Amino acid sequence: QKRFGEEQAKFYAACITLGLGHLHNRNYIYRDLKLENLLLDEHGYAKLTDFGLAKFINSDEKALTFCGTPEYLAPEVIMGRGHNRPADWWTLGVLIYEMLCGIPPFYSSNVQSMYRKAVREDVVFKPGVSISAEARDIIQKLLIKDQKSRLGSQADSLEVLSHPWFAGLDWSRLLERKLKAPFVPEVAGEAWLKNFDETFTKEKVRDTAIKVDLNLLKGFQKEFDEMNYNKDLEGAK
């Protein structure tokens, strides 16, 4: 599908909002929201994946690393002014726009031009695509340039969940996974293969040969010490 209908996009956006809110409540910012990092489970619920850029950070601190995917970068990340939870809400705005319009709001084949648009230009809605006033409003408020004024900057996910676009959505039933998803993938037997492009399913499986230089590795011990390790997963296969 080149784009989703509004109800389908709203369902996925709701799943993502709950996921980001959970991470933020645990003092993590995600920093890499994009379509490629979302998967649907067997019930059709959207799941966040790939936490390689996630960072443990208090709400009153600022991360300074320039990271993420160009189409989704918030102005404060591009400008190197320090970022935190509002940068994740910017990426949600980009994602909702992309789901509804089929293309990111500031997209350009020239990356520098794309950065310039994200920092300086207002979001322009794609002509010919019908979007409700509430959908336009949540996108515009999530894509406010000033991170202190952006939707979600004050009360985090509660602010986003309370937006009129989500009015009527039963959040309790969504959390309990009792709402029927707009699309439920077939997963029984070999049917799950149909959910993936044959380019990948027919690709030859091969190992990547890795030779570890232990002396070189010792030079990065400080960086590894700063990483979190979940002992509950120790020994898990």
Protein backbone atom coordinates (compact mmCIF):
# COMPACT_ATOMS: atom_id res chain seq x y z
CA GLN A 1 0.00 0.00 0.00
CA LYS A 2 1.33 3.41 -0.91
CA ARG A 3 -0.51 4.96 2.05
CA PHE A 4 -2.99 3.99 4.75
CA GLY A 5 -6.52 5.14 5.38
CA GLU A 6 -6.90 7.37 8.42
CA GLU A 7 -8.31 4.73 10.78
CA GLN A 8 -5.50 2.32 9.97
CA ALA A 9 -2.85 5.01 10.43
CA LYS A 10 -4.51 6.04 13.71
CA PHE A 11 -4.36 2.47 15.05
CA TYR A 12 -0.64 2.16 14.33
CA ALA A 13 0.06 5.66 15.67
CA ALA A 14 -1.77 4.74 18.88
CA CYS A 15 0.35 1.60 19.31
CA ILE A 16 3.52 3.62 18.74
CA THR A 17 2.46 6.38 21.14
CA LEU A 18 1.96 3.83 23.91
CA GLY A 19 5.35 2.28 23.10
CA LEU A 20 7.19 5.60 23.15
CA GLY A 21 5.40 6.61 26.34
CA HIS A 22 6.52 3.38 28.02
CA LEU A 23 10.13 3.96 26.99
CA HIS A 24 10.04 7.57 28.19
CA ASN A 25 8.57 6.47 31.53
CA ARG A 26 11.60 4.20 31.87
CA ASN A 27 13.92 7.13 31.03
CA TYR A 28 14.77 5.99 27.51
CA ILE A 29 14.48 8.01 24.32
CA TYR A 30 14.09 5.92 21.17
CA ARG A 31 15.56 8.21 18.48
CA ASP A 32 15.01 5.97 15.45
CA LEU A 33 11.29 5.83 14.73
CA LYS A 34 10.65 5.02 11.06
CA LEU A 35 8.56 2.60 9.04
CA GLU A 36 11.50 0.21 8.69
CA ASN A 37 11.69 -0.17 12.48
CA LEU A 38 8.05 -1.15 12.89
CA LEU A 39 6.75 -4.70 12.66
CA LEU A 40 3.24 -6.11 12.97
CA ASP A 41 2.72 -8.99 15.38
CA GLU A 42 0.39 -11.93 14.73
CA HIS A 43 -2.58 -9.81 15.86
CA GLY A 44 -1.72 -6.87 13.59
CA TYR A 45 -0.45 -4.62 16.40
CA ALA A 46 2.51 -2.35 15.60
CA LYS A 47 5.70 -3.08 17.55
CA LEU A 48 8.85 -0.99 17.93
CA THR A 49 12.07 -2.77 17.01
CA ASP A 50 15.80 -1.93 16.79
CA PHE A 51 16.85 -0.09 19.93
CA GLY A 52 20.41 0.52 18.74
CA LEU A 53 20.06 4.30 19.05
CA ALA A 54 18.00 4.31 22.25
CA LYS A 55 19.53 6.27 25.12
CA PHE A 56 18.99 6.18 28.88
CA ILE A 57 18.52 9.82 29.88
CA ASN A 58 16.65 11.86 32.48
CA SER A 59 13.97 14.25 31.29
CA ASP A 60 15.99 17.33 32.35
CA GLU A 61 19.11 16.31 30.41
CA LYS A 62 20.09 16.79 26.77
CA ALA A 63 21.59 14.27 24.36
CA LEU A 64 24.00 15.77 21.84
CA THR A 65 24.73 12.87 19.49
CA PHE A 66 23.74 13.49 15.88
CA CYS A 67 21.89 10.27 15.06
CA GLY A 68 18.76 8.95 13.42
CA THR A 69 17.38 8.74 9.88
CA PRO A 70 17.55 11.93 7.76
CA GLU A 71 13.85 12.01 6.80
CA TYR A 72 12.84 11.91 10.47
CA LEU A 73 15.38 14.10 12.25
CA ALA A 74 13.97 16.82 14.51
CA PRO A 75 15.30 20.38 14.07
CA GLU A 76 17.08 20.30 17.45
CA VAL A 77 18.96 17.16 16.38
CA ILE A 78 19.94 18.69 13.03
CA MET A 79 21.07 21.92 14.71
CA GLY A 80 22.95 20.09 17.47
CA ARG A 81 21.14 22.01 20.21
CA GLY A 82 20.53 19.00 22.42
CA HIS A 83 17.48 16.76 22.35
CA ASN A 84 15.31 14.59 24.54
CA ARG A 85 11.78 13.18 24.51
CA PRO A 86 10.28 15.85 22.18
CA ALA A 87 12.54 14.56 19.37
CA ASP A 88 10.64 11.26 19.50
CA TRP A 89 7.31 13.09 19.18
CA TRP A 90 8.63 14.93 16.12
CA THR A 91 9.38 11.56 14.49
CA LEU A 92 5.83 10.43 15.30
CA GLY A 93 4.53 13.47 13.41
CA VAL A 94 6.69 12.57 10.43
CA LEU A 95 5.48 8.98 10.57
CA ILE A 96 1.78 9.88 10.75
CA TYR A 97 2.22 12.21 7.77
CA GLU A 98 4.04 9.48 5.85
CA MET A 99 1.39 6.86 6.62
CA LEU A 100 -1.37 9.18 5.38
CA CYS A 101 0.42 10.81 2.42
CA GLY A 102 2.87 8.11 1.30
CA ILE A 103 5.97 10.29 1.64
CA PRO A 104 7.75 12.07 4.56
CA PRO A 105 6.73 15.75 4.93
CA PHE A 106 10.13 17.33 4.24
CA TYR A 107 11.49 14.75 1.82
CA SER A 108 14.10 15.72 -0.75
CA SER A 109 16.63 13.60 -2.62
CA ASN A 110 19.17 16.18 -1.46
CA VAL A 111 19.79 15.51 2.23
CA GLN A 112 20.97 19.06 3.00
CA SER A 113 17.85 20.46 1.35
CA MET A 114 15.75 18.09 3.46
CA TYR A 115 17.45 19.30 6.63
CA ARG A 116 16.87 22.91 5.62
CA LYS A 117 13.15 22.26 5.06
CA ALA A 118 12.80 20.49 8.41
CA VAL A 119 14.44 23.39 10.23
CA ARG A 120 12.89 26.34 8.36
CA GLU A 121 9.75 25.41 6.43
CA ASP A 122 6.23 24.69 7.64
CA VAL A 123 4.70 21.33 6.83
CA VAL A 124 2.73 21.37 3.55
CA PHE A 125 0.07 18.71 3.04
CA LYS A 126 0.18 16.73 -0.17
CA PRO A 127 -2.55 17.91 -2.58
CA GLY A 128 -5.17 15.37 -3.56
CA VAL A 129 -4.95 13.44 -0.27
CA SER A 130 -7.99 13.76 1.98
CA ILE A 131 -6.99 14.23 5.63
CA SER A 132 -9.29 15.22 8.48
CA ALA A 133 -8.81 18.50 10.33
CA GLU A 134 -7.88 16.57 13.48
CA ALA A 135 -5.19 14.60 11.63
CA ARG A 136 -3.74 17.79 10.18
CA ASP A 137 -3.75 19.37 13.61
CA ILE A 138 -1.88 16.56 15.39
CA ILE A 139 0.72 16.45 12.61
CA GLN A 140 1.24 20.22 12.75
CA LYS A 141 1.55 20.19 16.55
CA LEU A 142 3.98 17.26 16.54
CA LEU A 143 6.05 19.07 13.89
CA ILE A 144 6.42 22.36 15.76
CA LYS A 145 10.05 23.45 15.33
CA ASP A 146 10.50 24.61 18.93
CA GLN A 147 10.87 21.47 21.01
CA LYS A 148 9.57 23.28 24.11
CA SER A 149 6.27 24.06 22.35
CA ARG A 150 5.83 20.74 20.55
CA LEU A 151 2.94 18.43 21.39
CA GLY A 152 4.24 16.00 24.02
CA SER A 153 6.84 18.40 25.42
CA GLN A 154 4.92 19.06 28.65
CA ALA A 155 3.06 15.89 29.67
CA ASP A 156 4.78 13.50 27.24
CA SER A 157 2.57 10.66 25.95
CA LEU A 158 -0.49 11.78 27.98
CA GLU A 159 -0.51 14.99 25.93
CA VAL A 160 -0.41 13.06 22.66
CA LEU A 161 -3.00 10.50 23.77
CA SER A 162 -5.38 13.35 24.68
CA HIS A 163 -5.35 14.91 21.20
CA PRO A 164 -8.80 15.02 19.51
CA TRP A 165 -7.54 12.83 16.64
CA PHE A 166 -7.55 9.91 19.08
CA ALA A 167 -11.00 10.76 20.49
CA GLY A 168 -13.16 7.67 20.75
CA LEU A 169 -10.21 5.27 20.86
CA ASP A 170 -10.52 2.83 23.76
CA TRP A 171 -7.01 2.94 25.20
CA SER A 172 -7.72 0.28 27.83
CA ARG A 173 -8.87 -2.21 25.19
CA LEU A 174 -5.86 -1.33 23.05
CA LEU A 175 -3.48 -1.99 25.97
CA GLU A 176 -5.25 -5.28 26.62
CA ARG A 177 -4.94 -6.06 22.89
CA LYS A 178 -8.69 -6.53 22.59
CA LEU A 179 -9.20 -4.13 19.69
CA LYS A 180 -9.30 -5.71 16.25
CA ALA A 181 -6.42 -4.48 14.13
CA PRO A 182 -7.20 -3.08 10.66
CA PHE A 183 -4.96 -5.72 9.09
CA VAL A 184 -4.16 -9.11 10.58
CA PRO A 185 -1.32 -10.93 8.79
CA GLU A 186 -1.53 -14.60 7.97
CA VAL A 187 1.06 -16.44 10.02
CA ALA A 188 -0.04 -20.09 10.13
CA GLY A 189 2.33 -22.64 8.64
CA GLU A 190 4.24 -21.21 5.66
CA ALA A 191 1.72 -18.37 5.21
CA TRP A 192 3.93 -15.97 7.19
CA LEU A 193 6.35 -15.90 4.24
CA LYS A 194 3.82 -13.96 2.17
CA ASN A 195 4.25 -10.98 4.49
CA PHE A 196 7.80 -10.42 3.27
CA ASP A 197 9.26 -9.50 -0.11
CA GLU A 198 10.70 -12.45 -2.02
CA THR A 199 13.90 -10.45 -2.41
CA PHE A 200 14.59 -11.30 1.22
CA THR A 201 12.92 -14.68 1.65
CA LYS A 202 14.83 -16.14 -1.32
CA GLU A 203 18.16 -14.63 -0.34
CA LYS A 204 20.86 -17.18 0.35
CA VAL A 205 21.70 -17.54 4.03
CA ARG A 206 25.38 -16.98 4.69
CA ASP A 207 27.59 -16.50 7.70
CA THR A 208 29.65 -13.38 8.24
CA ALA A 209 33.21 -14.30 9.18
CA ILE A 210 34.38 -12.23 12.15
CA LYS A 211 37.82 -12.21 13.69
CA VAL A 212 37.84 -10.43 17.04
CA ASP A 213 40.92 -8.36 17.89
CA LEU A 214 40.88 -8.54 21.70
CA ASN A 215 43.60 -5.90 22.09
CA LEU A 216 41.61 -3.46 19.96
CA LEU A 217 38.46 -4.30 21.90
CA LYS A 218 40.10 -3.32 25.20
CA GLY A 219 40.40 0.25 23.94
CA PHE A 220 36.62 0.54 23.89
CA GLN A 221 35.95 -0.89 27.34
CA LYS A 222 34.78 2.48 28.66
CA GLU A 223 32.02 2.63 26.05
CA PHE A 224 30.88 -0.90 26.91
CA ASP A 225 30.82 -0.06 30.61
CA GLU A 226 28.26 2.65 29.90
CA MET A 227 25.87 0.18 28.27
CA ASN A 228 23.06 -1.44 30.20
CA TYR A 229 22.79 -5.20 30.47
CA ASN A 230 19.63 -7.00 31.50
CA LYS A 231 20.69 -9.87 33.72
CA ASP A 232 17.21 -11.36 33.38
CA LEU A 233 18.12 -12.22 29.80
CA GLU A 234 21.40 -13.86 30.75
CA GLY A 235 21.60 -17.27 29.13
CA ALA A 236 18.51 -16.67 26.99
CA LYS A 237 18.69 -18.18 23.54
